[in-house]
């Protein structure tokens, strides 16, 4: 069934949280683009300064093809200067799809009677984690529906179980969470389990549109969801991720919504989101992603480039919702993290590979079904370094402490060596011979650009990895 903003009468909203649609639309409607102003904004971004909403709006309103190309080129150069050529890899693991919400676009919605509901048992969880480790994964994001069964204690115990599972040389070193908003005590309980990032996506920052798509359940409350990560910060969980589901409303508005949310977190807590996600609407059981606000491929790549320029130090995540060719292209313009070898059906990692997706067992349609090794092969062929690094999280370089390292640019001195070391682990333990050969050729090429003192330390650790040592980092 198709749900669009035109289909419903919108009730009045009595309260205005820090997202003000009038403010956002005023930015968009008054932003005037011209070559001089665009280039001034790009120069500011090159200084690794975050852009204002007004400056971002000017880039969003730029339509001249030559200036748009300058935006793409600038984003590509900025991404290279800050992140180098490393790409962080992870896998999503769906733990349970019980849900009390009725979000029109989601296959897990409570009104979807065709969805096969289940929660992984402890044994099933362990089997799936072992399978992911056997492929070479080190970083997971655990995904939960919103349901009383998935309490903070349940999430925390699930995290501890995942960390405890070891298979051969494999281990999961970072567990991120995508789950419902919690109260402060709930966030504290989950934080104590040793999680990395806690993601909560607003889906759309337009309150009227939000009410259309979120028809029942706790998720109906726009304002509560909007400030949920404030509670996480107050609970001491300073590593958070935000996101919008592009296709529900005007994409330019949603980009400014993400920037406004970033402003709010920085102003109130001294640190912005660790990551921003920007999935596009996809088909799901009982829903066809054919809305008036569907984002075409060119605009999608453009918004990624603009986000990279607007928030230079924030990780940008692009998932397997998108086709392989587009993900490969988006990496050039700002994406720093992608999933690989993704399976959305609960328990699917421990089962034999299936040829076809079954939407009645999944949250939405994915478009990149490549294995982890296929993604790694593609990255290596483009001289990008696949990274499973978790050093910052484990050394306490998160939240405000992460910004102390990353904003001056010092983090690159840690990330590139650590990416090399985690790639070497993968090559030794999991890669086919052809991938192993190509991977070590890329590592040697990267070593030539590293200063001799650090290069020597990396070579010493690489030799230790070849001799069987694991989990070495700077």
Foldseek 3Di string as FASTA:
>chain_A
DAFALVPDDFDDDPDDDLQDLVVLVVLLVPAAEDPVLLVVLLVVLLVVDFDDSNSLSNLLPDDPVVSLVVLQVSLLVLQCLQQNQAFEAEEEAEFWLAAFWAFQQWLSGPPNPLADGDGDDLVLLLLLLLLCQLQPAQEYEYEYYADPVCFLQNLLVSLLSQQVRDDDPGGHDAYEYEYDQDALVSLLSNVVSQHAEYEQELQASPLRLLCRRTPDDPNNDSNCSLCSVVSNVVSVRQAYEYEYAFLSDAPSSRLSVQVSSQVVCCVPRVFGHQAYEYHYRFHAVNYHSDYPRHDDLVSVLSSLLSSCSNNVRHAYEDEQQDAPVSVVVSSSRHHRYYYFQYDFFHSPSSDPDDDDDDRSRGTGDGHYNHHPQVVLVVSLVVLRQYANDDVCSVVVCHRNNVCVCSSVSNCSVFRVLRSLQSSLLCLQNNHDPVSNVSSVVSSVVVLVPDDVVVSVVSVVSSVVVNVPDDDDGD
